[in-house]
Amino acid sequence: MNDFPPRPADVSEELYAKCLAVTDKRPRTVIMHILKHGFVTTEELKTLYGYNHQPRAAADVRDQGIPLATTRVSDSTGRKIGAYRFDTSAVVGGRVGGRKAFSKQFKEKLVAHYGARSMLTNEPLEARYLQIDHRIPYGVAGDSGGGVEDFMLLDASAQRAKSWSCENCKNFREIKDPSICRACFWAFPEDYKHVAMRQERRLDVVWSADEVANFDAMAQEAERRQLTPQDWVKQAIAAFLSRRDK
């Protein structure tokens, strides 16, 4: 770890030790930049390091047990942009190694329990395309629990969507109440009351194999009516319910 910058005066020995323990490339890159410069901007994460999803890069650092605070700074043109620095007042103990690694056996246990499917879309997939994700984000509840009910299986696209939504949720950024997460679509799509603290309902549907022809016909009909497929589906459901209730 000789390439790490010296410990800044405002960084405790405990926090610096956590930094030295990080070996994964992306969080290590972010950490080294902050150690050198005091903070890293969202613009720097994109232009210097090619990280187009800057909140995910910051989350990688937090997942290693190193708290970051989000601030606003001015760039060279005076425009306000986001930046991340160490939150030296909130070091989380006991997470030097970050989130725990999942064994092959644990993934097999999840597949046996839930089936080989992405749990946000219910799409069947080969197990190798599925990732293990905490139902309640690690940044809110850490590795509390550990049974199959505390985790879900997601494909890469669904995992990115969940990550983006959670990282921009007020509960993730400020409140950190696990009970709010438990009622959220992103944690329990099978039984939820809100979507990232917004009164919304979601239905992610995948058409596959012979069903693709139905989707294509629906999309063409939607285009004919100058609607998006999503709006056409909403109107079709509303019309069906209206006829049913007469």
C-alpha atoms as a PDB file:
ATOM      1  CA  MET A   1       0.000   0.000   0.000  1.00  0.00           C
ATOM      2  CA  ASN A   2       3.046   2.308  -0.460  1.00  0.00           C
ATOM      3  CA  ASP A   3       1.231   4.263  -3.181  1.00  0.00           C
ATOM      4  CA  PHE A   4      -1.263   5.638  -0.642  1.00  0.00           C
ATOM      5  CA  PRO A   5      -0.777   9.320   0.249  1.00  0.00           C
ATOM      6  CA  PRO A   6       0.305  10.147   3.811  1.00  0.00           C
ATOM      7  CA  ARG A   7      -2.416  10.461   6.413  1.00  0.00           C
ATOM      8  CA  PRO A   8      -3.924  13.994   6.368  1.00  0.00           C
ATOM      9  CA  ALA A   9      -4.114  15.771   9.720  1.00  0.00           C
ATOM     10  CA  ASP A  10      -7.927  15.660   9.796  1.00  0.00           C
ATOM     11  CA  VAL A  11      -8.089  11.916   9.138  1.00  0.00           C
ATOM     12  CA  SER A  12      -7.889   9.691  12.209  1.00  0.00           C
ATOM     13  CA  GLU A  13      -5.570   6.710  12.392  1.00  0.00           C
ATOM     14  CA  GLU A  14      -8.638   4.438  12.525  1.00  0.00           C
ATOM     15  CA  LEU A  15     -10.108   5.908   9.339  1.00  0.00           C
ATOM     16  CA  TYR A  16      -6.726   5.847   7.594  1.00  0.00           C
ATOM     17  CA  ALA A  17      -6.337   2.177   8.507  1.00  0.00           C
ATOM     18  CA  LYS A  18      -9.703   1.492   6.884  1.00  0.00           C
ATOM     19  CA  CYS A  19      -8.503   3.244   3.750  1.00  0.00           C
ATOM     20  CA  LEU A  20      -5.320   1.169   3.636  1.00  0.00           C
ATOM     21  CA  ALA A  21      -7.372  -2.027   3.903  1.00  0.00           C
ATOM     22  CA  VAL A  22      -9.278  -1.353   0.666  1.00  0.00           C
ATOM     23  CA  THR A  23      -7.992  -3.286  -2.351  1.00  0.00           C
ATOM     24  CA  ASP A  24     -10.885  -3.108  -4.849  1.00  0.00           C
ATOM     25  CA  LYS A  25      -9.946  -0.766  -7.685  1.00  0.00           C
ATOM     26  CA  ARG A  26     -12.892   1.631  -7.850  1.00  0.00           C
ATOM     27  CA  PRO A  27     -13.273   2.470  -4.144  1.00  0.00           C
ATOM     28  CA  ARG A  28      -9.486   2.526  -3.770  1.00  0.00           C
ATOM     29  CA  THR A  29      -9.229   5.087  -6.602  1.00  0.00           C
ATOM     30  CA  VAL A  30     -11.845   7.328  -4.998  1.00  0.00           C
ATOM     31  CA  ILE A  31     -10.225   7.018  -1.564  1.00  0.00           C
ATOM     32  CA  MET A  32      -6.761   7.899  -2.861  1.00  0.00           C
ATOM     33  CA  HIS A  33      -8.082  11.002  -4.603  1.00  0.00           C
ATOM     34  CA  ILE A  34      -9.808  12.203  -1.430  1.00  0.00           C
ATOM     35  CA  LEU A  35      -6.684  11.538   0.641  1.00  0.00           C
ATOM     36  CA  LYS A  36      -4.649  13.645  -1.801  1.00  0.00           C
ATOM     37  CA  HIS A  37      -7.093  16.489  -2.379  1.00  0.00           C
ATOM     38  CA  GLY A  38      -9.585  16.458   0.495  1.00  0.00           C
ATOM     39  CA  PHE A  39     -12.561  15.679  -1.750  1.00  0.00           C
ATOM     40  CA  VAL A  40     -13.446  14.399  -5.195  1.00  0.00           C
ATOM     41  CA  THR A  41     -16.081  15.969  -7.432  1.00  0.00           C
ATOM     42  CA  THR A  42     -18.603  14.159  -9.577  1.00  0.00           C
ATOM     43  CA  GLU A  43     -16.961  15.824 -12.578  1.00  0.00           C
ATOM     44  CA  GLU A  44     -13.536  14.427 -11.624  1.00  0.00           C
ATOM     45  CA  LEU A  45     -14.968  10.939 -11.162  1.00  0.00           C
ATOM     46  CA  LYS A  46     -16.243  11.105 -14.733  1.00  0.00           C
ATOM     47  CA  THR A  47     -13.461  12.950 -16.542  1.00  0.00           C
ATOM     48  CA  LEU A  48     -10.417  11.592 -14.692  1.00  0.00           C
ATOM     49  CA  TYR A  49     -11.543   8.047 -13.959  1.00  0.00           C
ATOM     50  CA  GLY A  50     -14.374   7.336 -16.389  1.00  0.00           C
ATOM     51  CA  TYR A  51     -16.995   6.643 -13.702  1.00  0.00           C
ATOM     52  CA  ASN A  52     -20.263   7.665 -15.358  1.00  0.00           C
ATOM     53  CA  HIS A  53     -22.338   6.558 -12.361  1.00  0.00           C
ATOM     54  CA  GLN A  54     -20.704   8.689  -9.689  1.00  0.00           C
ATOM     55  CA  PRO A  55     -23.090   7.769  -6.809  1.00  0.00           C
ATOM     56  CA  ARG A  56     -22.220   4.102  -7.392  1.00  0.00           C
ATOM     57  CA  ALA A  57     -18.499   4.900  -7.062  1.00  0.00           C
ATOM     58  CA  ALA A  58     -19.207   6.701  -3.781  1.00  0.00           C
ATOM     59  CA  ALA A  59     -21.373   3.812  -2.616  1.00  0.00           C
ATOM     60  CA  ASP A  60     -18.475   1.431  -3.255  1.00  0.00           C
ATOM     61  CA  VAL A  61     -16.433   3.428  -0.729  1.00  0.00           C
ATOM     62  CA  ARG A  62     -19.255   3.433   1.805  1.00  0.00           C
ATOM     63  CA  ASP A  63     -19.634  -0.323   1.309  1.00  0.00           C
ATOM     64  CA  GLN A  64     -16.062  -0.650   2.551  1.00  0.00           C
ATOM     65  CA  GLY A  65     -17.102   0.878   5.871  1.00  0.00           C
ATOM     66  CA  ILE A  66     -15.752   4.346   5.086  1.00  0.00           C
ATOM     67  CA  PRO A  67     -18.412   7.069   5.516  1.00  0.00           C
ATOM     68  CA  LEU A  68     -18.574   9.823   2.924  1.00  0.00           C
ATOM     69  CA  ALA A  69     -20.389  13.131   3.155  1.00  0.00           C
ATOM     70  CA  THR A  70     -21.872  14.702   0.024  1.00  0.00           C
ATOM     71  CA  THR A  71     -21.210  18.414  -0.431  1.00  0.00           C
ATOM     72  CA  ARG A  72     -21.487  21.082  -3.134  1.00  0.00           C
ATOM     73  CA  VAL A  73     -18.473  22.881  -4.568  1.00  0.00           C
ATOM     74  CA  SER A  74     -17.885  25.303  -7.446  1.00  0.00           C
ATOM     75  CA  ASP A  75     -16.058  24.227 -10.573  1.00  0.00           C
ATOM     76  CA  SER A  76     -13.762  26.508 -12.597  1.00  0.00           C
ATOM     77  CA  THR A  77     -16.768  28.235 -14.185  1.00  0.00           C
ATOM     78  CA  GLY A  78     -18.534  28.838 -10.874  1.00  0.00           C
ATOM     79  CA  ARG A  79     -21.120  26.132 -11.534  1.00  0.00           C
ATOM     80  CA  LYS A  80     -22.172  24.148  -8.455  1.00  0.00           C
ATOM     81  CA  ILE A  81     -21.398  20.435  -8.654  1.00  0.00           C
ATOM     82  CA  GLY A  82     -21.470  17.541  -6.198  1.00  0.00           C
ATOM     83  CA  ALA A  83     -18.432  16.352  -4.287  1.00  0.00           C
ATOM     84  CA  TYR A  84     -17.586  13.617  -1.792  1.00  0.00           C
ATOM     85  CA  ARG A  85     -15.326  13.864   1.246  1.00  0.00           C
ATOM     86  CA  PHE A  86     -14.705  11.680   4.288  1.00  0.00           C
ATOM     87  CA  ASP A  87     -17.308  12.078   7.011  1.00  0.00           C
ATOM     88  CA  THR A  88     -14.800  12.079   9.859  1.00  0.00           C
ATOM     89  CA  SER A  89     -17.546  12.388  12.476  1.00  0.00           C
ATOM     90  CA  ALA A  90     -19.273   9.133  11.530  1.00  0.00           C
ATOM     91  CA  VAL A  91     -16.731   6.360  11.202  1.00  0.00           C
ATOM     92  CA  VAL A  92     -18.579   3.053  11.272  1.00  0.00           C
ATOM     93  CA  GLY A  93     -16.745   0.504  13.351  1.00  0.00           C
ATOM     94  CA  GLY A  94     -16.380  -3.111  12.448  1.00  0.00           C
ATOM     95  CA  ARG A  95     -16.540  -2.780   8.677  1.00  0.00           C
ATOM     96  CA  VAL A  96     -12.902  -2.512   7.642  1.00  0.00           C
ATOM     97  CA  GLY A  97     -13.421  -5.285   5.154  1.00  0.00           C
ATOM     98  CA  GLY A  98     -16.637  -3.796   3.824  1.00  0.00           C
ATOM     99  CA  ARG A  99     -19.652  -5.910   3.056  1.00  0.00           C
ATOM    100  CA  LYS A 100     -19.209  -9.614   3.345  1.00  0.00           C
ATOM    101  CA  ALA A 101     -18.554 -11.750   0.291  1.00  0.00           C
ATOM    102  CA  PHE A 102     -21.206 -14.248  -0.703  1.00  0.00           C
ATOM    103  CA  SER A 103     -20.274 -17.859  -1.217  1.00  0.00           C
ATOM    104  CA  LYS A 104     -21.336 -19.973  -4.157  1.00  0.00           C
ATOM    105  CA  GLN A 105     -23.256 -22.132  -1.695  1.00  0.00           C
ATOM    106  CA  PHE A 106     -25.242 -19.140  -0.411  1.00  0.00           C
ATOM    107  CA  LYS A 107     -26.208 -18.141  -3.952  1.00  0.00           C
ATOM    108  CA  GLU A 108     -27.348 -21.706  -4.611  1.00  0.00           C
ATOM    109  CA  LYS A 109     -29.441 -21.484  -1.443  1.00  0.00           C
ATOM    110  CA  LEU A 110     -31.089 -18.279  -2.706  1.00  0.00           C
ATOM    111  CA  VAL A 111     -31.801 -19.832  -6.101  1.00  0.00           C
ATOM    112  CA  ALA A 112     -33.330 -22.863  -4.421  1.00  0.00           C
ATOM    113  CA  HIS A 113     -35.519 -20.607  -2.264  1.00  0.00           C
ATOM    114  CA  TYR A 114     -36.618 -17.999  -4.817  1.00  0.00           C
ATOM    115  CA  GLY A 115     -35.981 -19.715  -8.137  1.00  0.00           C
ATOM    116  CA  ALA A 116     -33.581 -18.562 -10.849  1.00  0.00           C
ATOM    117  CA  ARG A 117     -35.279 -15.265 -11.653  1.00  0.00           C
ATOM    118  CA  SER A 118     -34.691 -11.555 -11.318  1.00  0.00           C
ATOM    119  CA  MET A 119     -36.992 -10.630  -8.470  1.00  0.00           C
ATOM    120  CA  LEU A 120     -37.934  -7.147  -9.729  1.00  0.00           C
ATOM    121  CA  THR A 121     -39.147  -8.353 -13.130  1.00  0.00           C
ATOM    122  CA  ASN A 122     -39.818 -12.013 -12.301  1.00  0.00           C
ATOM    123  CA  GLU A 123     -37.852 -12.843 -15.461  1.00  0.00           C
ATOM    124  CA  PRO A 124     -36.393 -16.391 -15.465  1.00  0.00           C
ATOM    125  CA  LEU A 125     -32.626 -16.314 -16.014  1.00  0.00           C
ATOM    126  CA  GLU A 126     -29.675 -18.634 -15.735  1.00  0.00           C
ATOM    127  CA  ALA A 127     -28.248 -18.352 -12.238  1.00  0.00           C
ATOM    128  CA  ARG A 128     -24.924 -17.063 -13.562  1.00  0.00           C
ATOM    129  CA  TYR A 129     -26.665 -13.889 -14.743  1.00  0.00           C
ATOM    130  CA  LEU A 130     -28.080 -13.147 -11.297  1.00  0.00           C
ATOM    131  CA  GLN A 131     -26.441 -11.058  -8.586  1.00  0.00           C
ATOM    132  CA  ILE A 132     -27.046 -11.161  -4.850  1.00  0.00           C
ATOM    133  CA  ASP A 133     -28.320  -7.882  -3.447  1.00  0.00           C
ATOM    134  CA  HIS A 134     -29.288  -6.789   0.050  1.00  0.00           C
ATOM    135  CA  ARG A 135     -33.026  -6.174   0.204  1.00  0.00           C
ATOM    136  CA  ILE A 136     -32.358  -3.288   2.600  1.00  0.00           C
ATOM    137  CA  PRO A 137     -29.298  -1.380   1.317  1.00  0.00           C
ATOM    138  CA  TYR A 138     -26.037  -2.034   3.105  1.00  0.00           C
ATOM    139  CA  GLY A 139     -25.736   1.727   3.614  1.00  0.00           C
ATOM    140  CA  VAL A 140     -28.891   1.693   5.740  1.00  0.00           C
ATOM    141  CA  ALA A 141     -28.727  -1.563   7.700  1.00  0.00           C
ATOM    142  CA  GLY A 142     -25.249  -2.990   7.052  1.00  0.00           C
ATOM    143  CA  ASP A 143     -25.059  -6.781   7.065  1.00  0.00           C
ATOM    144  CA  SER A 144     -27.786  -7.188   9.652  1.00  0.00           C
ATOM    145  CA  GLY A 145     -29.504 -10.536   9.458  1.00  0.00           C
ATOM    146  CA  GLY A 146     -28.087 -13.042   7.059  1.00  0.00           C
ATOM    147  CA  GLY A 147     -30.884 -15.399   6.087  1.00  0.00           C
ATOM    148  CA  VAL A 148     -32.261 -15.798   2.580  1.00  0.00           C
ATOM    149  CA  GLU A 149     -35.108 -13.425   3.443  1.00  0.00           C
ATOM    150  CA  ASP A 150     -32.595 -10.564   3.828  1.00  0.00           C
ATOM    151  CA  PHE A 151     -31.367 -10.828   0.222  1.00  0.00           C
ATOM    152  CA  MET A 152     -32.724 -10.907  -3.310  1.00  0.00           C
ATOM    153  CA  LEU A 153     -31.535 -12.021  -6.736  1.00  0.00           C
ATOM    154  CA  LEU A 154     -31.334  -9.393  -9.488  1.00  0.00           C
ATOM    155  CA  ASP A 155     -30.027  -9.180 -13.028  1.00  0.00           C
ATOM    156  CA  ALA A 156     -27.413  -6.491 -13.680  1.00  0.00           C
ATOM    157  CA  SER A 157     -29.890  -4.001 -15.172  1.00  0.00           C
ATOM    158  CA  ALA A 158     -32.322  -4.328 -12.268  1.00  0.00           C
ATOM    159  CA  GLN A 159     -29.476  -4.030  -9.766  1.00  0.00           C
ATOM    160  CA  ARG A 160     -28.301  -0.774 -11.357  1.00  0.00           C
ATOM    161  CA  ALA A 161     -31.845   0.628 -11.351  1.00  0.00           C
ATOM    162  CA  LYS A 162     -32.296  -0.268  -7.693  1.00  0.00           C
ATOM    163  CA  SER A 163     -28.891   1.171  -6.789  1.00  0.00           C
ATOM    164  CA  TRP A 164     -29.618   4.498  -8.496  1.00  0.00           C
ATOM    165  CA  SER A 165     -33.050   4.847  -6.896  1.00  0.00           C
ATOM    166  CA  CYS A 166     -31.878   3.898  -3.405  1.00  0.00           C
ATOM    167  CA  GLU A 167     -28.861   6.200  -3.509  1.00  0.00           C
ATOM    168  CA  ASN A 168     -31.126   9.123  -4.398  1.00  0.00           C
ATOM    169  CA  CYS A 169     -33.706   8.299  -1.724  1.00  0.00           C
ATOM    170  CA  LYS A 170     -33.917  10.561   1.336  1.00  0.00           C
ATOM    171  CA  ASN A 171     -34.032   7.524   3.602  1.00  0.00           C
ATOM    172  CA  PHE A 172     -30.698   6.277   2.249  1.00  0.00           C
ATOM    173  CA  ARG A 173     -29.037   9.687   2.375  1.00  0.00           C
ATOM    174  CA  GLU A 174     -30.411  11.080   5.632  1.00  0.00           C
ATOM    175  CA  ILE A 175     -32.961   9.103   7.651  1.00  0.00           C
ATOM    176  CA  LYS A 176     -31.545   5.554   7.448  1.00  0.00           C
ATOM    177  CA  ASP A 177     -34.630   3.841   8.867  1.00  0.00           C
ATOM    178  CA  PRO A 178     -34.760   0.137   7.868  1.00  0.00           C
ATOM    179  CA  SER A 179     -38.529   0.049   8.406  1.00  0.00           C
ATOM    180  CA  ILE A 180     -38.970   2.542   5.555  1.00  0.00           C
ATOM    181  CA  CYS A 181     -36.940   0.260   3.295  1.00  0.00           C
ATOM    182  CA  ARG A 182     -38.997  -2.772   4.301  1.00  0.00           C
ATOM    183  CA  ALA A 183     -42.099  -1.095   2.867  1.00  0.00           C
ATOM    184  CA  CYS A 184     -40.344  -0.122  -0.383  1.00  0.00           C
ATOM    185  CA  PHE A 185     -40.719  -1.690  -3.826  1.00  0.00           C
ATOM    186  CA  TRP A 186     -36.956  -1.973  -4.242  1.00  0.00           C
ATOM    187  CA  ALA A 187     -36.671  -4.166  -1.133  1.00  0.00           C
ATOM    188  CA  PHE A 188     -39.909  -6.149  -1.273  1.00  0.00           C
ATOM    189  CA  PRO A 189     -41.498  -5.871  -4.740  1.00  0.00           C
ATOM    190  CA  GLU A 190     -43.883  -8.651  -3.751  1.00  0.00           C
ATOM    191  CA  ASP A 191     -45.442  -6.494  -0.988  1.00  0.00           C
ATOM    192  CA  TYR A 192     -44.721  -2.757  -0.847  1.00  0.00           C
ATOM    193  CA  LYS A 193     -46.319   0.569   0.097  1.00  0.00           C
ATOM    194  CA  HIS A 194     -44.088   3.085  -1.697  1.00  0.00           C
ATOM    195  CA  VAL A 195     -41.235   3.445  -4.195  1.00  0.00           C
ATOM    196  CA  ALA A 196     -38.276   5.271  -2.627  1.00  0.00           C
ATOM    197  CA  MET A 197     -40.712   7.168  -0.363  1.00  0.00           C
ATOM    198  CA  ARG A 198     -42.958   8.183  -3.276  1.00  0.00           C
ATOM    199  CA  GLN A 199     -46.551   7.046  -3.667  1.00  0.00           C
ATOM    200  CA  GLU A 200     -46.080   4.991  -6.800  1.00  0.00           C
ATOM    201  CA  ARG A 201     -46.773   1.490  -8.018  1.00  0.00           C
ATOM    202  CA  ARG A 202     -44.578  -0.339 -10.506  1.00  0.00           C
ATOM    203  CA  LEU A 203     -45.083  -3.290 -12.797  1.00  0.00           C
ATOM    204  CA  ASP A 204     -41.996  -4.552 -14.607  1.00  0.00           C
ATOM    205  CA  VAL A 205     -43.051  -7.025 -17.286  1.00  0.00           C
ATOM    206  CA  VAL A 206     -40.849  -9.024 -19.652  1.00  0.00           C
ATOM    207  CA  TRP A 207     -42.147 -10.549 -22.870  1.00  0.00           C
ATOM    208  CA  SER A 208     -40.089 -13.532 -24.025  1.00  0.00           C
ATOM    209  CA  ALA A 209     -40.126 -16.297 -26.626  1.00  0.00           C
ATOM    210  CA  ASP A 210     -43.565 -16.539 -28.287  1.00  0.00           C
ATOM    211  CA  GLU A 211     -44.799 -13.560 -26.251  1.00  0.00           C
ATOM    212  CA  VAL A 212     -42.551 -11.167 -28.194  1.00  0.00           C
ATOM    213  CA  ALA A 213     -45.051 -11.115 -31.066  1.00  0.00           C
ATOM    214  CA  ASN A 214     -47.713  -9.844 -28.650  1.00  0.00           C
ATOM    215  CA  PHE A 215     -45.402  -7.075 -27.462  1.00  0.00           C
ATOM    216  CA  ASP A 216     -44.562  -6.017 -31.021  1.00  0.00           C
ATOM    217  CA  ALA A 217     -48.259  -5.881 -31.946  1.00  0.00           C
ATOM    218  CA  MET A 218     -49.004  -3.844 -28.817  1.00  0.00           C
ATOM    219  CA  ALA A 219     -46.130  -1.444 -29.538  1.00  0.00           C
ATOM    220  CA  GLN A 220     -47.373  -0.906 -33.095  1.00  0.00           C
ATOM    221  CA  GLU A 221     -50.891  -0.186 -31.840  1.00  0.00           C
ATOM    222  CA  ALA A 222     -49.497   2.247 -29.273  1.00  0.00           C
ATOM    223  CA  GLU A 223     -47.506   4.034 -31.964  1.00  0.00           C
ATOM    224  CA  ARG A 224     -50.618   4.253 -34.155  1.00  0.00           C
ATOM    225  CA  ARG A 225     -52.368   6.007 -31.276  1.00  0.00           C
ATOM    226  CA  GLN A 226     -49.315   8.196 -30.629  1.00  0.00           C
ATOM    227  CA  LEU A 227     -48.818   6.650 -27.204  1.00  0.00           C
ATOM    228  CA  THR A 228     -45.873   5.050 -25.492  1.00  0.00           C
ATOM    229  CA  PRO A 229     -46.277   1.312 -24.833  1.00  0.00           C
ATOM    230  CA  GLN A 230     -46.467   2.133 -21.112  1.00  0.00           C
ATOM    231  CA  ASP A 231     -49.324   4.606 -21.594  1.00  0.00           C
ATOM    232  CA  TRP A 232     -51.147   2.192 -23.911  1.00  0.00           C
ATOM    233  CA  VAL A 233     -50.968  -0.535 -21.255  1.00  0.00           C
ATOM    234  CA  LYS A 234     -52.298   1.860 -18.599  1.00  0.00           C
ATOM    235  CA  GLN A 235     -55.194   2.875 -20.834  1.00  0.00           C
ATOM    236  CA  ALA A 236     -55.979  -0.750 -21.712  1.00  0.00           C
ATOM    237  CA  ILE A 237     -56.098  -1.720 -18.028  1.00  0.00           C
ATOM    238  CA  ALA A 238     -58.257   1.304 -17.172  1.00  0.00           C
ATOM    239  CA  ALA A 239     -60.677   0.418 -19.996  1.00  0.00           C
ATOM    240  CA  PHE A 240     -60.882  -3.194 -18.863  1.00  0.00           C
ATOM    241  CA  LEU A 241     -61.596  -2.207 -15.255  1.00  0.00           C
ATOM    242  CA  SER A 242     -64.220   0.297 -16.386  1.00  0.00           C
ATOM    243  CA  ARG A 243     -66.049  -2.377 -18.408  1.00  0.00           C
ATOM    244  CA  ARG A 244     -65.769  -4.863 -15.553  1.00  0.00           C
ATOM    245  CA  ASP A 245     -67.310  -2.482 -13.034  1.00  0.00           C
ATOM    246  CA  LYS A 246     -70.362  -1.703 -15.182  1.00  0.00           C
END
